[in-house]
C-alpha atoms as a PDB file:
ATOM      1  CA  MET A   1     -27.282  27.988   2.095  1.00  0.00           C
ATOM      2  CA  ASN A   2     -26.411  24.082   3.488  1.00  0.00           C
ATOM      3  CA  ALA A   3     -23.403  22.262   3.199  1.00  0.00           C
ATOM      4  CA  SER A   4     -24.455  19.644  -0.077  1.00  0.00           C
ATOM      5  CA  GLU A   5     -24.567  23.916  -1.881  1.00  0.00           C
ATOM      6  CA  ARG A   6     -21.050  25.151  -1.182  1.00  0.00           C
ATOM      7  CA  PRO A   7     -18.453  25.261  -3.781  1.00  0.00           C
ATOM      8  CA  ASP A   8     -15.781  23.430  -1.094  1.00  0.00           C
ATOM      9  CA  THR A   9     -17.531  20.405  -0.865  1.00  0.00           C
ATOM     10  CA  GLY A  10     -16.060  18.243  -3.851  1.00  0.00           C
ATOM     11  CA  TRP A  11     -12.216  18.342  -2.235  1.00  0.00           C
ATOM     12  CA  ARG A  12     -13.479  17.293   0.827  1.00  0.00           C
ATOM     13  CA  HIS A  13     -12.588  13.937   0.663  1.00  0.00           C
ATOM     14  CA  ALA A  14      -9.818  14.215  -2.191  1.00  0.00           C
ATOM     15  CA  ALA A  15      -6.778  13.350   0.411  1.00  0.00           C
ATOM     16  CA  ARG A  16      -8.174  10.036   1.507  1.00  0.00           C
ATOM     17  CA  TYR A  17      -7.429   6.649  -0.642  1.00  0.00           C
ATOM     18  CA  PRO A  18      -9.302   5.661  -3.150  1.00  0.00           C
ATOM     19  CA  LEU A  19     -11.342   2.529  -2.037  1.00  0.00           C
ATOM     20  CA  ALA A  20     -12.539   0.037  -4.454  1.00  0.00           C
ATOM     21  CA  PHE A  21     -15.834  -1.901  -3.737  1.00  0.00           C
ATOM     22  CA  TRP A  22     -16.403   0.898  -0.916  1.00  0.00           C
ATOM     23  CA  VAL A  23     -13.814  -1.397   1.932  1.00  0.00           C
ATOM     24  CA  LEU A  24     -10.849  -2.148   0.242  1.00  0.00           C
ATOM     25  CA  ASP A  25      -7.695  -0.371  -0.697  1.00  0.00           C
ATOM     26  CA  ALA A  26      -8.406   0.406  -4.366  1.00  0.00           C
ATOM     27  CA  ARG A  27      -4.123   0.003  -4.456  1.00  0.00           C
ATOM     28  CA  LEU A  28      -4.512  -3.813  -3.844  1.00  0.00           C
ATOM     29  CA  ALA A  29      -7.445  -4.162  -5.747  1.00  0.00           C
ATOM     30  CA  TRP A  30      -5.246  -5.522  -8.531  1.00  0.00           C
ATOM     31  CA  PRO A  31      -5.792  -9.158  -7.744  1.00  0.00           C
ATOM     32  CA  LEU A  32      -9.102  -8.821  -7.714  1.00  0.00           C
ATOM     33  CA  LEU A  33      -9.066  -8.228 -11.598  1.00  0.00           C
ATOM     34  CA  LEU A  34      -6.783 -10.645 -12.467  1.00  0.00           C
ATOM     35  CA  TRP A  35      -8.906 -13.232 -10.698  1.00  0.00           C
ATOM     36  CA  LEU A  36     -12.009 -11.782 -13.274  1.00  0.00           C
ATOM     37  CA  ALA A  37      -9.692 -12.130 -15.871  1.00  0.00           C
ATOM     38  CA  HIS A  38      -8.641 -15.784 -14.921  1.00  0.00           C
ATOM     39  CA  LEU A  39     -10.734 -17.355 -13.337  1.00  0.00           C
ATOM     40  CA  ALA A  40      -9.192 -20.368 -11.668  1.00  0.00           C
ATOM     41  CA  TRP A  41      -8.682 -21.553  -7.910  1.00  0.00           C
ATOM     42  CA  TRP A  42      -5.164 -20.335  -7.421  1.00  0.00           C
ATOM     43  CA  THR A  43      -6.214 -16.805  -8.284  1.00  0.00           C
ATOM     44  CA  PHE A  44      -9.532 -16.860  -6.150  1.00  0.00           C
ATOM     45  CA  ALA A  45      -6.654 -17.897  -3.527  1.00  0.00           C
ATOM     46  CA  LEU A  46      -3.854 -15.025  -4.576  1.00  0.00           C
ATOM     47  CA  ALA A  47      -7.077 -12.299  -4.882  1.00  0.00           C
ATOM     48  CA  LEU A  48      -8.040 -13.904  -1.086  1.00  0.00           C
ATOM     49  CA  ALA A  49      -5.154 -13.459   0.132  1.00  0.00           C
ATOM     50  CA  ALA A  50      -4.245 -10.006  -0.701  1.00  0.00           C
ATOM     51  CA  CYS A  51      -7.139  -8.421   0.786  1.00  0.00           C
ATOM     52  CA  ALA A  52      -6.149 -10.062   3.789  1.00  0.00           C
ATOM     53  CA  LEU A  53      -3.169  -8.410   3.529  1.00  0.00           C
ATOM     54  CA  GLY A  54      -4.880  -5.487   2.697  1.00  0.00           C
ATOM     55  CA  ALA A  55      -7.432  -5.474   5.997  1.00  0.00           C
ATOM     56  CA  LEU A  56      -4.305  -6.531   7.617  1.00  0.00           C
ATOM     57  CA  LEU A  57      -2.494  -3.298   6.499  1.00  0.00           C
ATOM     58  CA  ALA A  58      -5.551  -0.750   6.611  1.00  0.00           C
ATOM     59  CA  HIS A  59      -5.782  -2.062  10.569  1.00  0.00           C
ATOM     60  CA  VAL A  60      -2.350  -1.454  11.802  1.00  0.00           C
ATOM     61  CA  ALA A  61      -2.612   1.668   9.781  1.00  0.00           C
ATOM     62  CA  LEU A  62       0.241   0.802   7.404  1.00  0.00           C
ATOM     63  CA  PRO A  63       0.188   2.271   3.868  1.00  0.00           C
ATOM     64  CA  PRO A  64       1.324  -0.627   1.661  1.00  0.00           C
ATOM     65  CA  ALA A  65       4.515   1.281   0.190  1.00  0.00           C
ATOM     66  CA  MET A  66       5.882   1.531   3.003  1.00  0.00           C
ATOM     67  CA  ALA A  67       5.118  -1.607   4.288  1.00  0.00           C
ATOM     68  CA  TRP A  68       6.573  -2.618   0.549  1.00  0.00           C
ATOM     69  CA  ARG A  69       9.865  -0.295   2.021  1.00  0.00           C
ATOM     70  CA  ARG A  70      10.257  -2.077   5.845  1.00  0.00           C
ATOM     71  CA  ILE A  71      10.035  -5.418   4.309  1.00  0.00           C
ATOM     72  CA  LYS A  72      13.162  -4.500   2.259  1.00  0.00           C
ATOM     73  CA  ALA A  73      14.846  -3.084   5.294  1.00  0.00           C
ATOM     74  CA  ALA A  74      14.241  -6.306   7.316  1.00  0.00           C
ATOM     75  CA  GLY A  75      15.570  -7.960   4.541  1.00  0.00           C
ATOM     76  CA  ARG A  76      18.482  -5.877   3.960  1.00  0.00           C
ATOM     77  CA  GLY A  77      19.089  -6.399   7.957  1.00  0.00           C
ATOM     78  CA  TRP A  78      18.391  -3.027   9.991  1.00  0.00           C
ATOM     79  CA  PRO A  79      19.339  -1.199  11.398  1.00  0.00           C
ATOM     80  CA  ARG A  80      22.694  -0.947   9.816  1.00  0.00           C
ATOM     81  CA  GLU A  81      25.884   0.700  11.442  1.00  0.00           C
ATOM     82  CA  PRO A  82      27.542   3.101   9.830  1.00  0.00           C
ATOM     83  CA  ARG A  83      30.763   2.497   8.681  1.00  0.00           C
ATOM     84  CA  ARG A  84      33.384   5.220   7.746  1.00  0.00           C
ATOM     85  CA  PRO A  85      34.132   6.684   4.162  1.00  0.00           C
ATOM     86  CA  LYS A  86      37.126   5.141   1.644  1.00  0.00           C
ATOM     87  CA  ARG A  87      40.308   7.656   1.584  1.00  0.00           C
ATOM     88  CA  ARG A  88      40.557   8.365  -2.444  1.00  0.00           C
ATOM     89  CA  PHE A  89      44.342   9.666  -1.772  1.00  0.00           C
ATOM     90  CA  ALA A  90      46.895   8.246   0.019  1.00  0.00           C
ATOM     91  CA  ARG A  91      48.635  10.280   2.831  1.00  0.00           C
END
């Protein structure tokens, strides 16, 4: 029995991220669909920028959801200092 006949080979790549066009992360492929729906230069530039961003994130091994969380945390100004809880009742 070779490897292609084994029953568990269908689940071999189930945990990997889906790819669009064999190289792009499928979660960042929505600008390409936008460009195909509305053929204009600005949508082409947006799709190209999103593909470049996806390639950069893949190069540094940072998933898009994690990158978004880090951008939000940087916008808030991290690291934050802990604060004391407010008292509910007077002593």
